[in-house]
Amino acid sequence: MRSLQFALRAADRDQRCASHAFGDAQASLQQTSCSGVRRASYAATVDGREAAVTVGIVEFPDAAQAGAFKAVADTPGGGGILDLASETGKWGATPAPRFENAAYTSRIEGTSVRVVQAVWAPGPSTADDPGLARAAKAALDLPAQ
């Protein structure tokens, strides 16, 4: 039976974008006028298996800057947005998931870019795992603060 459930663990927004990013995505945000970032962390259950999903929505003054950031974030190894619950200790008793080899997806929403990563928690993940890919795609529609 295919099922997918999400439970919010943490949500926040901040004007400082680059400090919540890493890699090339962080460098990109240091050079643009990002207007804010909203982040949310979700515990997920995918077909009965525990997973973790992190959502970042980076807001820009215009669509061109959003498109440029999406191109950087979509590049494998290009960095991304740090997981809020990992940064703030909101995963509770479980060890914070490591978003390595995560399933990834992104979408432009006007002048914002939504980036999503999903991993098994615990356990090894692969970027092309069908269950994680399904969770990441579904998380494109989850709310973030």
Foldseek 3Di string as FASTA:
>chain_A
DWDKDKDWQDKDKDQDFLVQKDAQLSVLPVPARWRIKIKTKIFMATPNFTKIKIKMKIAHPAQVSQVVSCVQQVDVVSITGHGPCQVVVRPPPAHDEDQPQWQWDWDDDGRMIMIMTMDGRPDHHHNPPPRRNVNRVVCVPPDHD
